[in-house]
Amino acid sequence: IEPFSDSLHIDVMDGHFVPNLSFGAPVIRCLETKLPLICHLMVSNPEDRIQEFVDAKADTIVFHIEASKNPQALI
């Protein structure tokens, strides 16, 4: 998809904040692409998960403000 896109948006779902479950940082870490990775965390307590997505080389991390205990600190 690289020739057809400017970035790769990845929805991460934990089965708690939203009822669906998807993959997490270990799978994202294995992606081979030159596209910027936008990780959309649809998870409870995203502050507990930010570092693993930073370590997985996410270029942008998006989270739901209502899922965080202190969204300003998280930003």
C-alpha atoms as a PDB file:
ATOM      1  CA  ILE A   1       0.000   0.000   0.000  1.00  0.00           C
ATOM      2  CA  GLU A   2       3.007   2.312   0.280  1.00  0.00           C
ATOM      3  CA  PRO A   3       2.572   3.817  -3.208  1.00  0.00           C
ATOM      4  CA  PHE A   4      -1.040   4.673  -2.423  1.00  0.00           C
ATOM      5  CA  SER A   5      -0.873   6.084   1.099  1.00  0.00           C
ATOM      6  CA  ASP A   6       0.901   8.750   3.139  1.00  0.00           C
ATOM      7  CA  SER A   7       0.639   6.843   6.429  1.00  0.00           C
ATOM      8  CA  LEU A   8      -0.594   3.654   8.031  1.00  0.00           C
ATOM      9  CA  HIS A   9      -3.363   4.012  10.616  1.00  0.00           C
ATOM     10  CA  ILE A  10      -3.500   1.077  13.024  1.00  0.00           C
ATOM     11  CA  ASP A  11      -6.461   0.570  15.357  1.00  0.00           C
ATOM     12  CA  VAL A  12      -5.413  -1.058  18.626  1.00  0.00           C
ATOM     13  CA  MET A  13      -8.338  -2.458  20.627  1.00  0.00           C
ATOM     14  CA  ASP A  14      -8.072  -4.105  24.042  1.00  0.00           C
ATOM     15  CA  GLY A  15     -11.482  -5.744  24.394  1.00  0.00           C
ATOM     16  CA  HIS A  16     -12.232  -3.487  27.397  1.00  0.00           C
ATOM     17  CA  PHE A  17     -12.554   0.107  26.207  1.00  0.00           C
ATOM     18  CA  VAL A  18     -14.175  -1.255  23.055  1.00  0.00           C
ATOM     19  CA  PRO A  19     -15.621  -4.759  22.750  1.00  0.00           C
ATOM     20  CA  ASN A  20     -13.319  -5.781  19.903  1.00  0.00           C
ATOM     21  CA  LEU A  21      -9.813  -7.139  20.356  1.00  0.00           C
ATOM     22  CA  SER A  22      -6.969  -6.563  17.932  1.00  0.00           C
ATOM     23  CA  PHE A  23      -3.193  -6.778  17.999  1.00  0.00           C
ATOM     24  CA  GLY A  24      -0.751  -4.775  20.051  1.00  0.00           C
ATOM     25  CA  ALA A  25       2.755  -3.392  20.047  1.00  0.00           C
ATOM     26  CA  PRO A  26       4.521  -6.739  19.362  1.00  0.00           C
ATOM     27  CA  VAL A  27       2.769  -7.027  15.995  1.00  0.00           C
ATOM     28  CA  ILE A  28       3.339  -3.363  15.169  1.00  0.00           C
ATOM     29  CA  ARG A  29       7.030  -3.783  15.979  1.00  0.00           C
ATOM     30  CA  CYS A  30       7.213  -6.453  13.230  1.00  0.00           C
ATOM     31  CA  LEU A  31       5.692  -4.305  10.480  1.00  0.00           C
ATOM     32  CA  GLU A  32       8.054  -3.508   7.664  1.00  0.00           C
ATOM     33  CA  THR A  33       7.049  -0.244   6.047  1.00  0.00           C
ATOM     34  CA  LYS A  34       8.456   3.152   5.271  1.00  0.00           C
ATOM     35  CA  LEU A  35       5.098   4.759   6.004  1.00  0.00           C
ATOM     36  CA  PRO A  36       4.610   6.716   9.224  1.00  0.00           C
ATOM     37  CA  LEU A  37       2.687   4.607  11.746  1.00  0.00           C
ATOM     38  CA  ILE A  38      -0.324   6.203  13.421  1.00  0.00           C
ATOM     39  CA  CYS A  39      -1.387   4.037  16.351  1.00  0.00           C
ATOM     40  CA  HIS A  40      -4.947   4.680  17.484  1.00  0.00           C
ATOM     41  CA  LEU A  41      -5.223   3.301  21.006  1.00  0.00           C
ATOM     42  CA  MET A  42      -8.803   2.309  21.718  1.00  0.00           C
ATOM     43  CA  VAL A  43      -7.797   0.969  25.120  1.00  0.00           C
ATOM     44  CA  SER A  44      -8.561   1.537  28.775  1.00  0.00           C
ATOM     45  CA  ASN A  45      -5.850   3.438  30.658  1.00  0.00           C
ATOM     46  CA  PRO A  46      -3.751   4.377  27.617  1.00  0.00           C
ATOM     47  CA  GLU A  47      -1.131   5.882  29.927  1.00  0.00           C
ATOM     48  CA  ASP A  48      -0.201   2.308  30.861  1.00  0.00           C
ATOM     49  CA  ARG A  49       0.448   1.404  27.218  1.00  0.00           C
ATOM     50  CA  ILE A  50       2.111   4.483  25.676  1.00  0.00           C
ATOM     51  CA  GLN A  51       5.716   3.414  26.193  1.00  0.00           C
ATOM     52  CA  GLU A  52       5.282   0.070  24.439  1.00  0.00           C
ATOM     53  CA  PHE A  53       4.027   1.881  21.323  1.00  0.00           C
ATOM     54  CA  VAL A  54       6.833   4.434  21.516  1.00  0.00           C
ATOM     55  CA  ASP A  55       9.229   1.475  21.680  1.00  0.00           C
ATOM     56  CA  ALA A  56       7.430  -0.119  18.702  1.00  0.00           C
ATOM     57  CA  LYS A  57       8.330   3.001  16.669  1.00  0.00           C
ATOM     58  CA  ALA A  58       4.867   4.554  16.406  1.00  0.00           C
ATOM     59  CA  ASP A  59       5.214   7.948  14.770  1.00  0.00           C
ATOM     60  CA  THR A  60       1.923   9.230  16.162  1.00  0.00           C
ATOM     61  CA  ILE A  61      -0.145   7.909  19.049  1.00  0.00           C
ATOM     62  CA  VAL A  62      -3.812   8.801  19.304  1.00  0.00           C
ATOM     63  CA  PHE A  63      -5.963   7.955  22.326  1.00  0.00           C
ATOM     64  CA  HIS A  64      -9.464   8.604  23.566  1.00  0.00           C
ATOM     65  CA  ILE A  65      -9.513  11.406  26.105  1.00  0.00           C
ATOM     66  CA  GLU A  66     -12.242   9.711  28.144  1.00  0.00           C
ATOM     67  CA  ALA A  67     -10.101   6.579  28.509  1.00  0.00           C
ATOM     68  CA  SER A  68      -7.340   8.396  30.389  1.00  0.00           C
ATOM     69  CA  LYS A  69      -7.284   9.341  34.053  1.00  0.00           C
ATOM     70  CA  ASN A  70      -5.178  12.424  33.306  1.00  0.00           C
ATOM     71  CA  PRO A  71      -5.238  13.205  29.569  1.00  0.00           C
ATOM     72  CA  GLN A  72      -3.319  16.484  29.887  1.00  0.00           C
ATOM     73  CA  ALA A  73      -0.403  14.721  31.556  1.00  0.00           C
ATOM     74  CA  LEU A  74      -0.529  11.975  28.947  1.00  0.00           C
ATOM     75  CA  ILE A  75      -0.356  14.474  26.102  1.00  0.00           C
END
